[in-house]
C-alpha atoms as a PDB file:
ATOM      1  CA  UNK A   1      -0.013   0.016  -0.005  1.00  0.00           C
ATOM      2  CA  UNK A   2       3.056   2.237   0.394  1.00  0.00           C
ATOM      3  CA  UNK A   3       3.474   2.453  -3.400  1.00  0.00           C
ATOM      4  CA  UNK A   4      -0.008   3.839  -3.813  1.00  0.00           C
ATOM      5  CA  UNK A   5       0.540   6.572  -1.188  1.00  0.00           C
ATOM      6  CA  UNK A   6       3.978   7.499  -2.648  1.00  0.00           C
ATOM      7  CA  UNK A   7       2.561   7.767  -6.121  1.00  0.00           C
ATOM      8  CA  UNK A   8      -0.563   9.844  -4.913  1.00  0.00           C
ATOM      9  CA  UNK A   9       1.878  12.106  -3.225  1.00  0.00           C
ATOM     10  CA  UNK A  10       4.074  12.424  -6.320  1.00  0.00           C
ATOM     11  CA  UNK A  11       1.000  12.958  -8.513  1.00  0.00           C
ATOM     12  CA  UNK A  12      -0.315  15.735  -6.195  1.00  0.00           C
ATOM     13  CA  UNK A  13       2.932  17.615  -6.163  1.00  0.00           C
ATOM     14  CA  UNK A  14       4.002  17.262  -9.800  1.00  0.00           C
ATOM     15  CA  UNK A  15       0.757  17.001 -11.998  1.00  0.00           C
ATOM     16  CA  UNK A  16       0.203  20.743 -12.298  1.00  0.00           C
ATOM     17  CA  UNK A  17       3.580  21.433 -13.357  1.00  0.00           C
ATOM     18  CA  UNK A  18       3.819  18.658 -15.878  1.00  0.00           C
ATOM     19  CA  UNK A  19       0.325  19.758 -17.301  1.00  0.00           C
ATOM     20  CA  UNK A  20       1.452  23.254 -17.668  1.00  0.00           C
ATOM     21  CA  UNK A  21       4.729  22.345 -19.279  1.00  0.00           C
ATOM     22  CA  UNK A  22       3.148  20.077 -21.829  1.00  0.00           C
ATOM     23  CA  UNK A  23       0.232  22.428 -22.622  1.00  0.00           C
ATOM     24  CA  UNK A  24       2.742  25.237 -23.281  1.00  0.00           C
ATOM     25  CA  UNK A  25       4.763  22.896 -25.456  1.00  0.00           C
ATOM     26  CA  UNK A  26       1.828  21.576 -27.540  1.00  0.00           C
ATOM     27  CA  UNK A  27      -0.437  24.582 -27.523  1.00  0.00           C
ATOM     28  CA  UNK A  28      -3.588  22.741 -26.510  1.00  0.00           C
ATOM     29  CA  UNK A  29      -4.684  22.142 -22.794  1.00  0.00           C
ATOM     30  CA  UNK A  30      -6.941  19.358 -23.922  1.00  0.00           C
ATOM     31  CA  UNK A  31      -4.315  17.448 -25.763  1.00  0.00           C
ATOM     32  CA  UNK A  32      -2.002  18.009 -22.832  1.00  0.00           C
ATOM     33  CA  UNK A  33      -4.369  16.630 -20.436  1.00  0.00           C
ATOM     34  CA  UNK A  34      -4.756  13.541 -22.596  1.00  0.00           C
ATOM     35  CA  UNK A  35      -0.967  13.065 -22.907  1.00  0.00           C
ATOM     36  CA  UNK A  36      -0.385  13.701 -19.209  1.00  0.00           C
ATOM     37  CA  UNK A  37      -3.044  11.344 -18.078  1.00  0.00           C
ATOM     38  CA  UNK A  38      -1.441   8.657 -20.301  1.00  0.00           C
ATOM     39  CA  UNK A  39       2.043   9.492 -18.918  1.00  0.00           C
ATOM     40  CA  UNK A  40       0.910   9.121 -15.234  1.00  0.00           C
ATOM     41  CA  UNK A  41      -0.800   5.872 -16.034  1.00  0.00           C
ATOM     42  CA  UNK A  42       2.372   4.534 -17.540  1.00  0.00           C
ATOM     43  CA  UNK A  43       4.283   5.774 -14.460  1.00  0.00           C
ATOM     44  CA  UNK A  44       1.738   4.163 -12.095  1.00  0.00           C
ATOM     45  CA  UNK A  45       2.244   0.857 -14.048  1.00  0.00           C
ATOM     46  CA  UNK A  46       6.052   1.094 -13.575  1.00  0.00           C
ATOM     47  CA  UNK A  47       6.056   2.932 -10.188  1.00  0.00           C
ATOM     48  CA  UNK A  48       8.253   0.403  -8.570  1.00  0.00           C
ATOM     49  CA  UNK A  49      10.984   1.314 -10.994  1.00  0.00           C
ATOM     50  CA  UNK A  50      10.186   5.050 -11.739  1.00  0.00           C
ATOM     51  CA  UNK A  51      10.035   5.876  -8.048  1.00  0.00           C
ATOM     52  CA  UNK A  52      13.767   5.025  -7.695  1.00  0.00           C
ATOM     53  CA  UNK A  53      14.762   7.431 -10.535  1.00  0.00           C
ATOM     54  CA  UNK A  54      16.551  10.575  -9.542  1.00  0.00           C
ATOM     55  CA  UNK A  55      13.750  12.822 -11.079  1.00  0.00           C
ATOM     56  CA  UNK A  56      10.605  10.816 -11.652  1.00  0.00           C
ATOM     57  CA  UNK A  57       8.780  14.093 -12.661  1.00  0.00           C
ATOM     58  CA  UNK A  58      11.246  14.525 -15.578  1.00  0.00           C
ATOM     59  CA  UNK A  59      10.315  11.047 -16.738  1.00  0.00           C
ATOM     60  CA  UNK A  60       6.582  11.737 -16.707  1.00  0.00           C
ATOM     61  CA  UNK A  61       7.098  15.020 -18.464  1.00  0.00           C
ATOM     62  CA  UNK A  62       9.094  13.413 -21.230  1.00  0.00           C
ATOM     63  CA  UNK A  63       6.692  10.624 -21.738  1.00  0.00           C
ATOM     64  CA  UNK A  64       3.759  13.154 -21.747  1.00  0.00           C
ATOM     65  CA  UNK A  65       5.449  15.314 -24.254  1.00  0.00           C
ATOM     66  CA  UNK A  66       6.173  12.275 -26.591  1.00  0.00           C
ATOM     67  CA  UNK A  67       2.615  11.047 -26.247  1.00  0.00           C
ATOM     68  CA  UNK A  68       1.283  14.420 -27.326  1.00  0.00           C
ATOM     69  CA  UNK A  69       3.775  14.562 -30.242  1.00  0.00           C
ATOM     70  CA  UNK A  70       2.911  11.065 -31.271  1.00  0.00           C
ATOM     71  CA  UNK A  71      -0.840  11.807 -31.199  1.00  0.00           C
ATOM     72  CA  UNK A  72      -0.270  14.889 -33.284  1.00  0.00           C
ATOM     73  CA  UNK A  73       1.877  12.906 -35.796  1.00  0.00           C
ATOM     74  CA  UNK A  74      -0.868  10.293 -36.121  1.00  0.00           C
ATOM     75  CA  UNK A  75      -3.383  12.969 -36.920  1.00  0.00           C
ATOM     76  CA  UNK A  76      -1.133  14.571 -39.544  1.00  0.00           C
ATOM     77  CA  UNK A  77      -0.319  11.276 -41.120  1.00  0.00           C
ATOM     78  CA  UNK A  78      -4.011  10.441 -41.164  1.00  0.00           C
ATOM     79  CA  UNK A  79      -4.874  13.603 -42.841  1.00  0.00           C
ATOM     80  CA  UNK A  80      -2.051  13.369 -45.369  1.00  0.00           C
ATOM     81  CA  UNK A  81      -3.140   9.716 -46.270  1.00  0.00           C
ATOM     82  CA  UNK A  82      -6.642  10.841 -46.783  1.00  0.00           C
ATOM     83  CA  UNK A  83      -5.371  13.711 -48.862  1.00  0.00           C
ATOM     84  CA  UNK A  84      -3.242  11.452 -51.009  1.00  0.00           C
ATOM     85  CA  UNK A  85      -6.164   9.009 -51.565  1.00  0.00           C
ATOM     86  CA  UNK A  86      -8.565  11.720 -52.558  1.00  0.00           C
ATOM     87  CA  UNK A  87      -6.539  14.200 -54.625  1.00  0.00           C
ATOM     88  CA  UNK A  88      -7.129  12.285 -57.939  1.00  0.00           C
ATOM     89  CA  UNK A  89     -10.848  11.775 -57.342  1.00  0.00           C
ATOM     90  CA  UNK A  90     -13.505  14.137 -58.468  1.00  0.00           C
ATOM     91  CA  UNK A  91     -16.724  14.500 -56.429  1.00  0.00           C
ATOM     92  CA  UNK A  92     -19.870  15.298 -58.149  1.00  0.00           C
ATOM     93  CA  UNK A  93     -21.729  18.288 -57.088  1.00  0.00           C
ATOM     94  CA  UNK A  94     -24.702  17.574 -54.872  1.00  0.00           C
ATOM     95  CA  UNK A  95     -27.866  17.951 -56.847  1.00  0.00           C
ATOM     96  CA  UNK A  96     -31.245  19.039 -55.497  1.00  0.00           C
ATOM     97  CA  UNK A  97     -32.425  15.571 -55.631  1.00  0.00           C
ATOM     98  CA  UNK A  98     -29.650  14.246 -53.438  1.00  0.00           C
ATOM     99  CA  UNK A  99     -30.114  16.983 -51.017  1.00  0.00           C
ATOM    100  CA  UNK A 100     -34.023  16.245 -50.902  1.00  0.00           C
ATOM    101  CA  UNK A 101     -33.351  12.578 -50.319  1.00  0.00           C
ATOM    102  CA  UNK A 102     -30.989  13.096 -47.550  1.00  0.00           C
ATOM    103  CA  UNK A 103     -33.254  15.615 -45.860  1.00  0.00           C
ATOM    104  CA  UNK A 104     -36.162  13.072 -46.224  1.00  0.00           C
ATOM    105  CA  UNK A 105     -33.987  10.310 -44.759  1.00  0.00           C
ATOM    106  CA  UNK A 106     -33.337  12.375 -41.679  1.00  0.00           C
ATOM    107  CA  UNK A 107     -36.984  12.639 -41.085  1.00  0.00           C
ATOM    108  CA  UNK A 108     -37.723   8.989 -40.850  1.00  0.00           C
ATOM    109  CA  UNK A 109     -37.018   6.715 -37.868  1.00  0.00           C
ATOM    110  CA  UNK A 110     -33.413   5.604 -37.530  1.00  0.00           C
ATOM    111  CA  UNK A 111     -34.196   1.710 -37.900  1.00  0.00           C
ATOM    112  CA  UNK A 112     -36.146   2.353 -41.215  1.00  0.00           C
ATOM    113  CA  UNK A 113     -33.343   4.763 -42.457  1.00  0.00           C
ATOM    114  CA  UNK A 114     -30.634   2.250 -41.682  1.00  0.00           C
ATOM    115  CA  UNK A 115     -32.313  -0.608 -43.653  1.00  0.00           C
ATOM    116  CA  UNK A 116     -33.159   1.538 -46.601  1.00  0.00           C
ATOM    117  CA  UNK A 117     -29.583   2.780 -46.846  1.00  0.00           C
ATOM    118  CA  UNK A 118     -28.182  -0.709 -46.522  1.00  0.00           C
ATOM    119  CA  UNK A 119     -30.616  -2.023 -49.096  1.00  0.00           C
ATOM    120  CA  UNK A 120     -30.960   0.791 -51.688  1.00  0.00           C
ATOM    121  CA  UNK A 121     -27.524   2.478 -51.277  1.00  0.00           C
ATOM    122  CA  UNK A 122     -25.162  -0.238 -50.212  1.00  0.00           C
ATOM    123  CA  UNK A 123     -27.003  -2.906 -52.265  1.00  0.00           C
ATOM    124  CA  UNK A 124     -27.556  -5.484 -49.605  1.00  0.00           C
ATOM    125  CA  UNK A 125     -30.266  -8.007 -49.848  1.00  0.00           C
ATOM    126  CA  UNK A 126     -32.681  -8.589 -46.951  1.00  0.00           C
ATOM    127  CA  UNK A 127     -30.813 -11.655 -46.054  1.00  0.00           C
ATOM    128  CA  UNK A 128     -27.492  -9.839 -45.948  1.00  0.00           C
ATOM    129  CA  UNK A 129     -29.045  -7.090 -43.744  1.00  0.00           C
ATOM    130  CA  UNK A 130     -30.360  -9.870 -41.419  1.00  0.00           C
ATOM    131  CA  UNK A 131     -26.910 -11.419 -41.205  1.00  0.00           C
ATOM    132  CA  UNK A 132     -25.260  -7.972 -40.555  1.00  0.00           C
ATOM    133  CA  UNK A 133     -27.719  -6.586 -37.998  1.00  0.00           C
ATOM    134  CA  UNK A 134     -29.206  -9.760 -36.594  1.00  0.00           C
ATOM    135  CA  UNK A 135     -32.719  -8.432 -37.213  1.00  0.00           C
ATOM    136  CA  UNK A 136     -35.341 -10.843 -38.422  1.00  0.00           C
ATOM    137  CA  UNK A 137     -36.012 -10.723 -42.125  1.00  0.00           C
ATOM    138  CA  UNK A 138     -39.729 -10.002 -41.542  1.00  0.00           C
ATOM    139  CA  UNK A 139     -38.883  -6.947 -39.573  1.00  0.00           C
ATOM    140  CA  UNK A 140     -36.469  -5.724 -42.147  1.00  0.00           C
ATOM    141  CA  UNK A 141     -39.081  -5.964 -44.924  1.00  0.00           C
ATOM    142  CA  UNK A 142     -41.617  -4.128 -42.717  1.00  0.00           C
ATOM    143  CA  UNK A 143     -39.102  -1.349 -41.980  1.00  0.00           C
ATOM    144  CA  UNK A 144     -38.291  -1.144 -45.684  1.00  0.00           C
ATOM    145  CA  UNK A 145     -41.997  -0.829 -46.658  1.00  0.00           C
ATOM    146  CA  UNK A 146     -42.692   1.695 -43.988  1.00  0.00           C
ATOM    147  CA  UNK A 147     -39.545   3.650 -44.665  1.00  0.00           C
ATOM    148  CA  UNK A 148     -40.399   3.917 -48.421  1.00  0.00           C
ATOM    149  CA  UNK A 149     -43.809   5.137 -47.607  1.00  0.00           C
ATOM    150  CA  UNK A 150     -42.427   7.720 -45.173  1.00  0.00           C
ATOM    151  CA  UNK A 151     -39.849   8.798 -47.751  1.00  0.00           C
ATOM    152  CA  UNK A 152     -42.346   9.149 -50.481  1.00  0.00           C
ATOM    153  CA  UNK A 153     -44.491  11.335 -48.241  1.00  0.00           C
ATOM    154  CA  UNK A 154     -41.583  13.536 -47.402  1.00  0.00           C
ATOM    155  CA  UNK A 155     -40.309  13.740 -50.982  1.00  0.00           C
ATOM    156  CA  UNK A 156     -43.726  14.801 -52.264  1.00  0.00           C
ATOM    157  CA  UNK A 157     -43.842  17.366 -49.502  1.00  0.00           C
ATOM    158  CA  UNK A 158     -43.784  21.020 -50.433  1.00  0.00           C
ATOM    159  CA  UNK A 159     -40.415  21.166 -48.447  1.00  0.00           C
ATOM    160  CA  UNK A 160     -38.461  19.560 -51.340  1.00  0.00           C
ATOM    161  CA  UNK A 161     -36.401  21.624 -53.575  1.00  0.00           C
ATOM    162  CA  UNK A 162     -36.283  21.675 -57.345  1.00  0.00           C
ATOM    163  CA  UNK A 163     -33.494  23.322 -59.306  1.00  0.00           C
ATOM    164  CA  UNK A 164     -32.265  25.058 -56.206  1.00  0.00           C
ATOM    165  CA  UNK A 165     -35.616  26.849 -55.679  1.00  0.00           C
ATOM    166  CA  UNK A 166     -38.237  25.920 -53.170  1.00  0.00           C
ATOM    167  CA  UNK A 167     -41.277  24.487 -54.842  1.00  0.00           C
ATOM    168  CA  UNK A 168     -44.483  26.396 -54.145  1.00  0.00           C
ATOM    169  CA  UNK A 169     -48.004  25.341 -54.697  1.00  0.00           C
ATOM    170  CA  UNK A 170     -49.952  28.109 -56.393  1.00  0.00           C
END
């Protein structure tokens, strides 16, 4: 139990300084808090060894800073990879029909929306949807039918858009 008390005391004395240091280095308190929490967790897991270091706080500070930098690098690499994959692709403009369909989908219940998208957009059969979601096939077909009716009602609504202009009944 002595280790827990030593660690608690160490944490209480050093955590604010470590957090301030890392926040100033990375420029974000939120990212610093995440990195510092991870560093203290690692210190706790190795406390029997870390507690014998000449300066355990320096170890935690270094680990926290490296964690923050590592998180930042992963984010940058993810963005760069996404950018490399999408630079050669062209994206069609979203037409008024697409916008109207998405708006109508948002108005129907989530269960119906999910099976409609899986069936009509992803191209899955009722059996494949059943396999993926574990929902009985009869329920899927019911949700598809209800969802189609609900979509039709919303798409025939005066809220739909045509050629970028709101349609008005005269």
